[in-house]
Each structure stands twice: as C-alpha cells, then as structure tokens.
Amino acid sequence: MKQIALDIGLATEPTLKTFFAGPNDAVLSHLALWVGQKAGGAVRSPVPTYLWGSSASGKTHLLKAVLEALREQGASVGWLDANVQEPPEFDERWATILMDDVHQYNSVQQQAAFNWFINAQTHQRWILAAGALPPADLKLRDDLRSRLGWGHVFQLHVLSESERRSVLRQAADARGVFLGDEVMDFMLNRFSRDLGSLMELLEHLDGYALQTKRAITIPLIKSMLENT
C-alpha cells in the first residue's frame, strides 16, 4: 500500500522532549545531560558524539533539538549538512558544531568538516554529528572518518510498529482524543511512519476535529486532506 508523505503545513521545532526514545533512551539521556549543563564550554565535555542509523530513526530531529536548546541558552552554533554548498570558516564564537548527514558530504564539505574538527579540538568545542552508517563504513576521507569515530558513538534504532502504536496511543490519550484501531491502522499504513510526522498528523487531526466538532475517523482524515 502506497504511503502518503505528510506535508500539511505544520512546522513545529524539534525538541528533546518531543523525541520519543523507545530503544534509544541512552542517546536521549546523553544529549539531555550535555545540553542541560551550563553554557560556556568549561563544564561541557568536548569529546565528540556521533549518531548513526537508518532514515526515520531520529538523527536530524536530535541535532535540531540540540540546536534549539543551545540557541535558547544564547549560544552560537555551527551547522553543516549536505545542502550547505559553501561551508563557512570555523567561528571561535561557536559553542558547538553540528554535522548532519555526513555520509553525503562531498570533498568540499569533508574538508570543511575536518577543519572544524581540528579547530574544535583546539578550542575545546563539542561536535555532534550524524550519518546513516557507522564510522568505519563511511565513504569519507580517512582523517575525518577516524575523528567521527573516536568519541561517543550511538546507533539509533527505528521504533517498532508496536512501539509507534503505543506512542500514538499515549499522545492521543494525553490530548483526550480517542483513536480507534481502524484509524490507527490507517495512519500507520497510509502515511509516513516517521514518528515525528505521525505526531504532526495527530496534532493536525486534533485541531481539525475540534474545528469541525467531529470525532477522529477515517472519513475525517480524508476530509482534512481534501480541505487543507
């Protein structure tokens, strides 16, 4: 059955609190502990952290959640992903460096990432990076690959269907919303199974149900899609 990508205009910023850990609790605890420490770098460990896992395992969510948390603390953060075609020079004002989708980096991005690593070590800055593969399997230059793997390395696991169902049920109950089994089946089979997208769908459904004064049913979902 073809799945529908969710694109209905919701743009909620990822946070650590909205990351549903499941089997990834150790990762979440590690990042929450680091972000919760005092700003300034002196009490924050500069040992880099690398996250790896398949698509929809939550890598980008976690990086953006850390970015938001640090910005709320007034910190400046360096960001690099595969879409940044002209990476900036390292900035000493950066408290942290975030690198996403490192497995997709071209030669220019790899050079920038390596340079940022060298400067981060010099200035005792933390690096949080993420990619689809474990460090040893990355098709990157040797000096960058070795640096990505020398610190904390965590594998992120995609939630199982039963775990996604449990999270959806808990989130719905917290909103005072009833999701029948047929509705749950429809959501999981017809939409992206990425949990963040499913949470956005639930939020939008809740708002649409309140607006139309109807219960959440399959016809309501279809009506929402036709009218948004």
Protein backbone atom coordinates (compact mmCIF):
# COMPACT_ATOMS: atom_id res chain seq x y z
CA MET A 1 0.00 0.00 0.00
CA LYS A 2 1.41 3.37 -1.01
CA GLN A 3 2.28 5.65 1.88
CA ILE A 4 1.48 9.36 1.84
CA ALA A 5 4.16 11.81 2.85
CA LEU A 6 2.81 14.25 5.40
CA ASP A 7 3.03 17.86 4.26
CA ILE A 8 0.13 19.76 5.76
CA GLY A 9 1.77 22.95 6.87
CA LEU A 10 2.74 22.20 10.45
CA ALA A 11 6.23 23.41 11.33
CA THR A 12 6.90 22.54 14.96
CA GLU A 13 10.52 22.85 16.04
CA PRO A 14 12.04 19.55 17.20
CA THR A 15 12.92 19.37 20.89
CA LEU A 16 14.46 16.71 23.10
CA LYS A 17 11.16 16.47 24.97
CA THR A 18 9.29 15.59 21.78
CA PHE A 19 11.74 12.84 20.85
CA PHE A 20 10.14 9.50 21.67
CA ALA A 21 13.15 7.46 22.71
CA GLY A 22 11.92 3.87 22.87
CA PRO A 23 15.10 1.78 22.42
CA ASN A 24 17.15 4.99 22.07
CA ASP A 25 16.89 6.13 25.68
CA ALA A 26 20.66 6.08 26.23
CA VAL A 27 21.15 8.52 23.35
CA LEU A 28 18.47 10.87 24.61
CA SER A 29 19.86 10.79 28.16
CA HIS A 30 23.38 11.53 26.87
CA LEU A 31 22.26 14.57 24.86
CA ALA A 32 19.89 15.86 27.54
CA LEU A 33 22.68 15.69 30.13
CA TRP A 34 25.08 17.57 27.89
CA VAL A 35 22.58 20.26 26.88
CA GLY A 36 21.44 20.65 30.48
CA GLN A 37 24.92 21.57 31.66
CA LYS A 38 25.97 25.17 31.98
CA ALA A 39 26.79 27.17 28.87
CA GLY A 40 30.34 28.36 28.36
CA GLY A 41 32.15 25.17 27.46
CA ALA A 42 34.14 24.80 30.69
CA VAL A 43 31.85 22.17 32.22
CA ARG A 44 30.78 20.58 28.95
CA SER A 45 32.80 17.65 27.69
CA PRO A 46 34.48 18.38 24.34
CA VAL A 47 34.50 14.67 23.42
CA PRO A 48 32.57 14.39 20.13
CA THR A 49 29.39 12.36 19.75
CA TYR A 50 28.36 10.52 16.59
CA LEU A 51 24.86 9.16 15.92
CA TRP A 52 24.13 6.68 13.17
CA GLY A 53 21.05 4.87 11.95
CA SER A 54 18.65 4.43 9.08
CA SER A 55 16.24 7.02 7.75
CA ALA A 56 13.46 7.99 10.19
CA SER A 57 15.46 6.88 13.22
CA GLY A 58 15.51 10.47 14.52
CA LYS A 59 19.03 11.71 13.78
CA THR A 60 18.07 15.08 12.32
CA HIS A 61 15.40 15.58 14.97
CA LEU A 62 18.01 15.21 17.70
CA LEU A 63 20.52 17.53 16.04
CA LYS A 64 17.89 20.22 15.51
CA ALA A 65 16.65 19.73 19.07
CA VAL A 66 20.16 20.34 20.41
CA LEU A 67 20.44 23.37 18.11
CA GLU A 68 17.21 24.84 19.51
CA ALA A 69 18.19 24.15 23.10
CA LEU A 70 21.57 25.86 22.70
CA ARG A 71 20.08 28.84 20.89
CA GLU A 72 17.63 29.26 23.76
CA GLN A 73 20.68 29.48 26.03
CA GLY A 74 22.09 32.23 23.82
CA ALA A 75 24.82 30.06 22.33
CA SER A 76 26.13 30.37 18.78
CA VAL A 77 26.25 27.07 16.88
CA GLY A 78 27.94 25.95 13.69
CA TRP A 79 25.80 23.81 11.37
CA LEU A 80 26.83 21.73 8.36
CA ASP A 81 24.76 19.35 6.27
CA ALA A 82 24.89 18.06 2.70
CA ASN A 83 22.86 21.06 1.46
CA VAL A 84 25.47 23.61 2.58
CA GLN A 85 27.46 24.02 -0.62
CA GLU A 86 29.79 26.75 0.69
CA PRO A 87 30.64 25.93 4.32
CA PRO A 88 31.78 28.93 6.35
CA GLU A 89 35.10 29.14 8.12
CA PHE A 90 35.25 27.95 11.73
CA ASP A 91 33.98 30.63 14.11
CA GLU A 92 35.53 30.81 17.57
CA ARG A 93 32.19 32.09 18.91
CA TRP A 94 30.58 28.71 18.21
CA ALA A 95 29.88 26.82 21.43
CA THR A 96 29.09 23.64 19.50
CA ILE A 97 29.33 22.21 15.98
CA LEU A 98 26.52 20.13 14.49
CA MET A 99 27.07 18.00 11.38
CA ASP A 100 24.16 16.16 9.78
CA ASP A 101 24.10 13.52 7.00
CA VAL A 102 27.89 13.24 6.96
CA HIS A 103 27.66 10.17 4.69
CA GLN A 104 26.57 12.53 1.89
CA TYR A 105 29.39 15.07 2.22
CA ASN A 106 31.28 15.99 -0.95
CA SER A 107 35.00 16.79 -0.96
CA VAL A 108 34.47 20.47 -0.10
CA GLN A 109 32.21 19.63 2.82
CA GLN A 110 34.62 16.97 4.05
CA GLN A 111 37.46 19.47 4.02
CA ALA A 112 35.35 21.96 6.00
CA ALA A 113 34.28 19.26 8.47
CA PHE A 114 37.88 18.19 9.04
CA ASN A 115 38.93 21.81 9.56
CA TRP A 116 36.10 22.31 12.03
CA PHE A 117 37.23 19.20 13.91
CA ILE A 118 40.79 20.50 14.21
CA ASN A 119 39.59 23.88 15.46
CA ALA A 120 37.05 22.30 17.79
CA GLN A 121 39.82 20.30 19.43
CA THR A 122 41.97 23.41 19.76
CA HIS A 123 39.17 25.49 21.29
CA GLN A 124 37.59 22.65 23.29
CA ARG A 125 34.28 22.72 21.43
CA TRP A 126 31.83 19.83 21.28
CA ILE A 127 30.87 18.21 17.97
CA LEU A 128 27.64 16.30 17.47
CA ALA A 129 27.49 14.55 14.11
CA ALA A 130 25.12 12.10 12.44
CA GLY A 131 25.15 9.78 9.47
CA ALA A 132 23.47 6.70 8.03
CA LEU A 133 26.44 4.37 8.64
CA PRO A 134 28.80 3.50 11.48
CA PRO A 135 32.09 5.44 11.32
CA ALA A 136 34.14 2.57 9.91
CA ASP A 137 31.77 2.21 6.92
CA LEU A 138 31.61 5.88 5.93
CA LYS A 139 32.97 6.62 2.44
CA LEU A 140 34.86 9.68 3.68
CA ARG A 141 38.49 10.74 3.85
CA ASP A 142 40.38 8.74 6.47
CA ASP A 143 41.25 11.64 8.77
CA LEU A 144 37.59 12.75 9.00
CA ARG A 145 36.22 9.23 9.40
CA SER A 146 38.62 8.47 12.25
CA ARG A 147 37.63 11.65 14.10
CA LEU A 148 33.93 10.89 13.75
CA GLY A 149 34.53 7.55 15.44
CA TRP A 150 36.88 8.37 18.30
CA GLY A 151 34.32 9.73 20.77
CA HIS A 152 30.88 8.59 21.86
CA VAL A 153 29.13 6.55 19.15
CA PHE A 154 25.44 5.63 19.36
CA GLN A 155 23.30 3.63 16.97
CA LEU A 156 19.72 4.90 16.65
CA HIS A 157 17.01 2.29 16.15
CA VAL A 158 13.70 2.90 14.39
CA LEU A 159 10.74 2.27 16.68
CA SER A 160 8.86 -0.95 16.02
CA GLU A 161 5.24 -0.76 14.89
CA SER A 162 4.02 -1.76 18.34
CA GLU A 163 6.14 1.00 19.88
CA ARG A 164 4.80 3.55 17.40
CA ARG A 165 1.26 2.43 18.21
CA SER A 166 1.96 2.78 21.92
CA VAL A 167 3.40 6.27 21.49
CA LEU A 168 0.47 7.37 19.30
CA ARG A 169 -2.00 5.99 21.83
CA GLN A 170 -0.29 7.77 24.72
CA ALA A 171 -0.10 11.05 22.80
CA ALA A 172 -3.77 10.79 21.84
CA ASP A 173 -4.81 9.97 25.42
CA ALA A 174 -2.85 12.99 26.66
CA ARG A 175 -4.93 15.15 24.32
CA GLY A 176 -8.17 13.49 25.36
CA VAL A 177 -8.53 12.05 21.85
CA PHE A 178 -9.77 8.55 21.07
CA LEU A 179 -8.05 6.71 18.22
CA GLY A 180 -9.83 3.53 17.18
CA ASP A 181 -7.86 0.58 15.88
CA GLU A 182 -9.06 1.20 12.31
CA VAL A 183 -7.92 4.83 12.49
CA MET A 184 -4.56 3.73 13.90
CA ASP A 185 -4.15 1.19 11.10
CA PHE A 186 -4.99 3.84 8.51
CA MET A 187 -2.47 6.33 9.94
CA LEU A 188 0.33 3.76 10.07
CA ASN A 189 -0.34 2.25 6.65
CA ARG A 190 -1.16 5.33 4.61
CA PHE A 191 1.24 7.95 5.97
CA SER A 192 4.96 8.22 6.56
CA ARG A 193 5.86 6.01 9.51
CA ASP A 194 8.36 8.54 10.78
CA LEU A 195 7.15 9.19 14.32
CA GLY A 196 7.67 12.93 14.10
CA SER A 197 5.38 13.05 11.05
CA LEU A 198 2.79 10.91 12.82
CA MET A 199 2.83 13.27 15.81
CA GLU A 200 2.30 16.22 13.48
CA LEU A 201 -0.57 14.35 11.85
CA LEU A 202 -2.16 13.70 15.24
CA GLU A 203 -1.82 17.36 16.20
CA HIS A 204 -3.41 18.47 12.96
CA LEU A 205 -6.19 15.89 13.28
CA ASP A 206 -6.94 17.03 16.81
CA GLY A 207 -7.25 20.64 15.67
CA TYR A 208 -9.38 19.72 12.66
CA ALA A 209 -11.67 17.52 14.79
CA LEU A 210 -12.19 20.37 17.26
CA GLN A 211 -12.85 22.82 14.45
CA THR A 212 -15.42 20.56 12.76
CA LYS A 213 -16.79 19.17 16.05
CA ARG A 214 -16.34 15.60 14.82
CA ALA A 215 -14.63 12.52 16.18
CA ILE A 216 -11.41 11.35 14.54
CA THR A 217 -12.40 8.75 11.98
CA ILE A 218 -11.08 7.66 8.60
CA PRO A 219 -13.64 9.87 6.78
CA LEU A 220 -12.48 12.82 8.92
CA ILE A 221 -8.85 12.20 7.92
CA LYS A 222 -9.82 12.09 4.25
CA SER A 223 -11.87 15.25 4.64
CA MET A 224 -8.94 17.03 6.31
CA LEU A 225 -6.62 16.09 3.49
CA GLU A 226 -9.10 17.37 0.91
CA ASN A 227 -9.57 20.68 2.70
CA THR A 228 -6.02 21.56 3.80
